[in-house]
């Protein structure tokens, strides 16, 4: 399996298509959380499947495929404070143009 960076370099159209699919799925679930029940019915036991639409409905206000500079700055600040980063990566290195164009 190619690395994400390699995939982005070799097939940016596929990365953009995947991003569009994520955005479309989030919008569809916001409009109809019941879609999650249909998707889950063959993957989970009935008791869990019965709960999924409500969980999706509850969480849809937080669905957002976009990754802003502010989010990256906050993540970098947290990772730096935890001693996980020696240098903060640039926004453009983490969030490709092909994805930003889709949001």
C-alpha atoms as a PDB file:
ATOM      1  CA  UNK A   1       0.000   0.000   0.000  1.00  0.00           C
ATOM      2  CA  UNK A   2       1.481   3.365  -0.989  1.00  0.00           C
ATOM      3  CA  UNK A   3       2.073   6.018   1.641  1.00  0.00           C
ATOM      4  CA  UNK A   4      -0.468   8.842   1.831  1.00  0.00           C
ATOM      5  CA  UNK A   5       2.132  11.292   0.498  1.00  0.00           C
ATOM      6  CA  UNK A   6       2.936   9.010  -2.432  1.00  0.00           C
ATOM      7  CA  UNK A   7      -0.762   8.495  -3.186  1.00  0.00           C
ATOM      8  CA  UNK A   8      -1.279  12.243  -3.142  1.00  0.00           C
ATOM      9  CA  UNK A   9       1.630  12.804  -5.516  1.00  0.00           C
ATOM     10  CA  UNK A  10       0.745   9.990  -7.914  1.00  0.00           C
ATOM     11  CA  UNK A  11      -3.069  10.124  -7.894  1.00  0.00           C
ATOM     12  CA  UNK A  12      -4.353  13.434  -6.544  1.00  0.00           C
ATOM     13  CA  UNK A  13      -7.684  12.867  -8.335  1.00  0.00           C
ATOM     14  CA  UNK A  14      -8.277   9.787  -6.164  1.00  0.00           C
ATOM     15  CA  UNK A  15      -7.487  11.731  -2.999  1.00  0.00           C
ATOM     16  CA  UNK A  16      -9.916  14.451  -4.092  1.00  0.00           C
ATOM     17  CA  UNK A  17     -12.570  11.816  -4.868  1.00  0.00           C
ATOM     18  CA  UNK A  18     -12.152  10.251  -1.423  1.00  0.00           C
ATOM     19  CA  UNK A  19     -12.455  13.675   0.194  1.00  0.00           C
ATOM     20  CA  UNK A  20     -15.623  14.403  -1.806  1.00  0.00           C
ATOM     21  CA  UNK A  21     -17.036  11.042  -0.701  1.00  0.00           C
ATOM     22  CA  UNK A  22     -16.388  11.856   2.960  1.00  0.00           C
ATOM     23  CA  UNK A  23     -18.047  15.271   2.614  1.00  0.00           C
ATOM     24  CA  UNK A  24     -21.035  13.727   0.796  1.00  0.00           C
ATOM     25  CA  UNK A  25     -21.424  10.985   3.411  1.00  0.00           C
ATOM     26  CA  UNK A  26     -21.358  13.515   6.228  1.00  0.00           C
ATOM     27  CA  UNK A  27     -23.996  15.664   4.507  1.00  0.00           C
ATOM     28  CA  UNK A  28     -26.195  12.636   3.819  1.00  0.00           C
ATOM     29  CA  UNK A  29     -25.983  11.516   7.458  1.00  0.00           C
ATOM     30  CA  UNK A  30     -26.816  15.023   8.652  1.00  0.00           C
ATOM     31  CA  UNK A  31     -29.966  14.949   6.499  1.00  0.00           C
ATOM     32  CA  UNK A  32     -30.916  11.379   7.374  1.00  0.00           C
ATOM     33  CA  UNK A  33     -29.183   9.703  10.337  1.00  0.00           C
ATOM     34  CA  UNK A  34     -31.249   6.612   9.573  1.00  0.00           C
ATOM     35  CA  UNK A  35     -28.839   5.885   6.726  1.00  0.00           C
ATOM     36  CA  UNK A  36     -26.392   4.752   9.395  1.00  0.00           C
ATOM     37  CA  UNK A  37     -28.853   2.086  10.551  1.00  0.00           C
ATOM     38  CA  UNK A  38     -29.141   0.708   7.032  1.00  0.00           C
ATOM     39  CA  UNK A  39     -25.361   0.635   6.654  1.00  0.00           C
ATOM     40  CA  UNK A  40     -24.836  -1.025  10.039  1.00  0.00           C
ATOM     41  CA  UNK A  41     -27.534  -3.704   9.902  1.00  0.00           C
ATOM     42  CA  UNK A  42     -25.271  -6.412   8.469  1.00  0.00           C
ATOM     43  CA  UNK A  43     -22.227  -5.404  10.508  1.00  0.00           C
ATOM     44  CA  UNK A  44     -23.501  -5.150  14.081  1.00  0.00           C
ATOM     45  CA  UNK A  45     -25.909  -6.996  16.363  1.00  0.00           C
ATOM     46  CA  UNK A  46     -29.516  -5.758  16.325  1.00  0.00           C
ATOM     47  CA  UNK A  47     -29.295  -3.991  19.711  1.00  0.00           C
ATOM     48  CA  UNK A  48     -26.320  -1.900  18.617  1.00  0.00           C
ATOM     49  CA  UNK A  49     -27.765  -1.281  15.169  1.00  0.00           C
ATOM     50  CA  UNK A  50     -30.922   0.115  16.768  1.00  0.00           C
ATOM     51  CA  UNK A  51     -28.854   2.752  18.593  1.00  0.00           C
ATOM     52  CA  UNK A  52     -26.645   3.951  15.770  1.00  0.00           C
ATOM     53  CA  UNK A  53     -29.017   6.462  14.146  1.00  0.00           C
ATOM     54  CA  UNK A  54     -29.422   8.311  17.449  1.00  0.00           C
ATOM     55  CA  UNK A  55     -25.665   8.358  18.000  1.00  0.00           C
ATOM     56  CA  UNK A  56     -25.095   9.707  14.493  1.00  0.00           C
ATOM     57  CA  UNK A  57     -27.860  12.307  14.957  1.00  0.00           C
ATOM     58  CA  UNK A  58     -26.216  13.426  18.196  1.00  0.00           C
ATOM     59  CA  UNK A  59     -22.773  13.694  16.592  1.00  0.00           C
ATOM     60  CA  UNK A  60     -23.613  15.267  13.211  1.00  0.00           C
ATOM     61  CA  UNK A  61     -23.127  18.834  14.459  1.00  0.00           C
ATOM     62  CA  UNK A  62     -19.454  17.925  14.793  1.00  0.00           C
ATOM     63  CA  UNK A  63     -19.089  16.385  11.317  1.00  0.00           C
ATOM     64  CA  UNK A  64     -16.732  18.569   9.328  1.00  0.00           C
ATOM     65  CA  UNK A  65     -14.198  17.258   6.844  1.00  0.00           C
ATOM     66  CA  UNK A  66     -12.422  20.608   6.660  1.00  0.00           C
ATOM     67  CA  UNK A  67      -9.190  21.026   8.580  1.00  0.00           C
ATOM     68  CA  UNK A  68      -8.526  24.703   9.237  1.00  0.00           C
ATOM     69  CA  UNK A  69      -5.228  26.414   9.985  1.00  0.00           C
ATOM     70  CA  UNK A  70      -6.558  27.084  13.470  1.00  0.00           C
ATOM     71  CA  UNK A  71      -7.152  23.360  14.040  1.00  0.00           C
ATOM     72  CA  UNK A  72      -3.640  22.513  12.870  1.00  0.00           C
ATOM     73  CA  UNK A  73      -2.169  25.275  15.038  1.00  0.00           C
ATOM     74  CA  UNK A  74      -4.064  23.907  18.058  1.00  0.00           C
ATOM     75  CA  UNK A  75      -2.932  20.334  17.334  1.00  0.00           C
ATOM     76  CA  UNK A  76       0.656  21.483  16.882  1.00  0.00           C
ATOM     77  CA  UNK A  77       0.521  23.454  20.129  1.00  0.00           C
ATOM     78  CA  UNK A  78      -0.846  20.448  21.998  1.00  0.00           C
ATOM     79  CA  UNK A  79       1.704  18.056  20.485  1.00  0.00           C
ATOM     80  CA  UNK A  80       4.519  20.494  21.270  1.00  0.00           C
ATOM     81  CA  UNK A  81       3.325  20.938  24.859  1.00  0.00           C
ATOM     82  CA  UNK A  82       3.281  17.147  25.244  1.00  0.00           C
ATOM     83  CA  UNK A  83       6.855  16.941  23.919  1.00  0.00           C
ATOM     84  CA  UNK A  84       5.762  15.068  20.796  1.00  0.00           C
ATOM     85  CA  UNK A  85       7.088  17.566  18.244  1.00  0.00           C
ATOM     86  CA  UNK A  86      10.543  18.988  17.795  1.00  0.00           C
ATOM     87  CA  UNK A  87       9.185  21.381  15.147  1.00  0.00           C
ATOM     88  CA  UNK A  88       5.624  22.125  14.097  1.00  0.00           C
ATOM     89  CA  UNK A  89       4.792  20.960  10.573  1.00  0.00           C
ATOM     90  CA  UNK A  90       3.389  23.570   8.206  1.00  0.00           C
ATOM     91  CA  UNK A  91      -0.310  23.587   7.395  1.00  0.00           C
ATOM     92  CA  UNK A  92       0.390  23.004   3.697  1.00  0.00           C
ATOM     93  CA  UNK A  93       2.446  19.927   4.564  1.00  0.00           C
ATOM     94  CA  UNK A  94      -0.454  18.413   6.490  1.00  0.00           C
ATOM     95  CA  UNK A  95      -3.492  19.511   4.494  1.00  0.00           C
ATOM     96  CA  UNK A  96      -3.117  19.134   0.722  1.00  0.00           C
ATOM     97  CA  UNK A  97      -4.532  21.691  -1.689  1.00  0.00           C
ATOM     98  CA  UNK A  98      -6.526  18.994  -3.457  1.00  0.00           C
ATOM     99  CA  UNK A  99      -8.496  18.392  -0.233  1.00  0.00           C
ATOM    100  CA  UNK A 100      -8.977  22.051   0.619  1.00  0.00           C
ATOM    101  CA  UNK A 101     -10.491  22.607  -2.834  1.00  0.00           C
ATOM    102  CA  UNK A 102     -13.238  20.097  -2.034  1.00  0.00           C
ATOM    103  CA  UNK A 103     -14.390  21.567   1.278  1.00  0.00           C
END
